[in-house]
C-alpha atoms as a PDB file:
ATOM      1  CA  MET A   1     115.995 149.433 -11.480  1.00  0.00           C
ATOM      2  CA  LEU A   2     112.465 150.727 -11.957  1.00  0.00           C
ATOM      3  CA  THR A   3     111.447 152.309 -15.267  1.00  0.00           C
ATOM      4  CA  PHE A   4     108.208 153.988 -16.338  1.00  0.00           C
ATOM      5  CA  LEU A   5     107.832 154.609 -20.075  1.00  0.00           C
ATOM      6  CA  LEU A   6     104.934 156.806 -21.097  1.00  0.00           C
ATOM      7  CA  THR A   7     103.889 157.994 -24.551  1.00  0.00           C
ATOM      8  CA  ARG A   8     101.633 160.675 -25.945  1.00  0.00           C
ATOM      9  CA  ALA A   9     100.293 160.086 -29.427  1.00  0.00           C
ATOM     10  CA  ALA A  10      99.598 163.520 -30.840  1.00  0.00           C
ATOM     11  CA  PRO A  11      98.573 163.449 -34.515  1.00  0.00           C
ATOM     12  CA  SER A  12     101.604 165.380 -35.697  1.00  0.00           C
ATOM     13  CA  ARG A  13     104.255 164.675 -33.021  1.00  0.00           C
ATOM     14  CA  PRO A  14     104.291 161.501 -30.915  1.00  0.00           C
ATOM     15  CA  ARG A  15     106.310 162.049 -27.717  1.00  0.00           C
ATOM     16  CA  PHE A  16     107.802 159.951 -24.913  1.00  0.00           C
ATOM     17  CA  TYR A  17     108.489 160.483 -21.216  1.00  0.00           C
ATOM     18  CA  ARG A  18     110.701 158.084 -19.248  1.00  0.00           C
ATOM     19  CA  VAL A  19     111.240 158.004 -15.497  1.00  0.00           C
ATOM     20  CA  GLU A  20     113.846 155.583 -14.130  1.00  0.00           C
ATOM     21  CA  VAL A  21     115.062 154.852 -10.603  1.00  0.00           C
ATOM     22  CA  ALA A  22     118.530 153.299 -10.358  1.00  0.00           C
ATOM     23  CA  TYR A  23     121.191 152.561  -7.737  1.00  0.00           C
ATOM     24  CA  ASN A  24     124.620 154.040  -8.463  1.00  0.00           C
ATOM     25  CA  LEU A  25     128.151 153.055  -7.428  1.00  0.00           C
ATOM     26  CA  PHE A  26     128.316 155.714  -4.705  1.00  0.00           C
ATOM     27  CA  GLY A  27     125.516 154.178  -2.633  1.00  0.00           C
ATOM     28  CA  GLU A  28     122.928 156.696  -3.793  1.00  0.00           C
ATOM     29  CA  TYR A  29     119.751 156.371  -5.794  1.00  0.00           C
ATOM     30  CA  SER A  30     119.197 158.403  -8.904  1.00  0.00           C
ATOM     31  CA  VAL A  31     116.044 159.300 -10.762  1.00  0.00           C
ATOM     32  CA  VAL A  32     116.530 159.948 -14.459  1.00  0.00           C
ATOM     33  CA  ARG A  33     113.817 161.742 -16.399  1.00  0.00           C
ATOM     34  CA  GLU A  34     113.980 161.863 -20.173  1.00  0.00           C
ATOM     35  CA  TRP A  35     111.429 163.345 -22.560  1.00  0.00           C
ATOM     36  CA  GLY A  36     111.062 164.497 -26.157  1.00  0.00           C
ATOM     37  CA  PRO A  37     109.812 163.509 -29.593  1.00  0.00           C
ATOM     38  CA  GLN A  38     109.815 159.782 -30.322  1.00  0.00           C
ATOM     39  CA  GLY A  39     112.653 158.659 -32.550  1.00  0.00           C
ATOM     40  CA  ARG A  40     114.935 161.484 -31.444  1.00  0.00           C
ATOM     41  CA  ARG A  41     117.196 162.131 -28.522  1.00  0.00           C
ATOM     42  CA  GLY A  42     115.270 164.065 -25.928  1.00  0.00           C
ATOM     43  CA  GLN A  43     116.163 166.152 -22.947  1.00  0.00           C
ATOM     44  CA  HIS A  44     117.151 164.517 -19.688  1.00  0.00           C
ATOM     45  CA  LEU A  45     117.501 165.426 -16.040  1.00  0.00           C
ATOM     46  CA  LEU A  46     119.260 163.439 -13.302  1.00  0.00           C
ATOM     47  CA  VAL A  47     118.488 163.881  -9.584  1.00  0.00           C
ATOM     48  CA  TRP A  48     120.230 162.026  -6.724  1.00  0.00           C
ATOM     49  CA  PHE A  49     118.633 160.812  -3.493  1.00  0.00           C
ATOM     50  CA  SER A  50     120.206 159.302  -0.379  1.00  0.00           C
ATOM     51  CA  ASN A  51     117.528 156.627   0.043  1.00  0.00           C
ATOM     52  CA  LEU A  52     115.250 154.497  -2.107  1.00  0.00           C
ATOM     53  CA  ARG A  53     112.033 155.721  -0.499  1.00  0.00           C
ATOM     54  CA  ASP A  54     112.594 159.354  -1.474  1.00  0.00           C
ATOM     55  CA  ALA A  55     113.664 158.360  -4.990  1.00  0.00           C
ATOM     56  CA  CYS A  56     110.508 156.278  -5.510  1.00  0.00           C
ATOM     57  CA  ILE A  57     108.265 159.032  -4.159  1.00  0.00           C
ATOM     58  CA  ALA A  58     109.840 161.527  -6.572  1.00  0.00           C
ATOM     59  CA  ALA A  59     109.580 159.125  -9.532  1.00  0.00           C
ATOM     60  CA  GLU A  60     105.911 158.462  -8.799  1.00  0.00           C
ATOM     61  CA  ARG A  61     105.207 162.202  -8.536  1.00  0.00           C
ATOM     62  CA  TRP A  62     106.823 162.836 -11.946  1.00  0.00           C
ATOM     63  CA  ARG A  63     104.952 159.862 -13.479  1.00  0.00           C
ATOM     64  CA  LYS A  64     101.607 161.210 -12.231  1.00  0.00           C
ATOM     65  CA  ARG A  65     102.473 164.658 -13.560  1.00  0.00           C
ATOM     66  CA  ALA A  66     103.166 163.200 -17.014  1.00  0.00           C
ATOM     67  CA  ILE A  67      99.849 161.334 -16.948  1.00  0.00           C
ATOM     68  CA  ARG A  68      98.017 164.584 -16.112  1.00  0.00           C
ATOM     69  CA  ARG A  69      99.665 166.094 -19.189  1.00  0.00           C
ATOM     70  CA  GLY A  70      98.222 163.417 -21.488  1.00  0.00           C
ATOM     71  CA  TYR A  71     100.889 160.705 -21.489  1.00  0.00           C
ATOM     72  CA  ILE A  72      99.786 157.083 -21.130  1.00  0.00           C
ATOM     73  CA  THR A  73     101.714 154.060 -19.872  1.00  0.00           C
ATOM     74  CA  GLU A  74     103.368 152.200 -22.727  1.00  0.00           C
ATOM     75  CA  GLY A  75     101.260 149.240 -23.842  1.00  0.00           C
ATOM     76  CA  LYS A  76      97.954 150.601 -22.515  1.00  0.00           C
ATOM     77  CA  ALA A  77      95.326 152.464 -24.493  1.00  0.00           C
END
């Protein structure tokens, strides 16, 4: 399992964005994206891929997109 956790510290509303790659019981790889205000349940989207390479490429694309929108990797300033 590979997980990216990103945060955006806006003065009034801190937010999170999580991208996770996981292997499921059906022999597929899934990429789960979850986002929303910190401390609350956010929205989520699940996408399946037939191979790990495509799943990792998609996860990296979504991580880079979140960074362009102002999110930073958890634990880094």
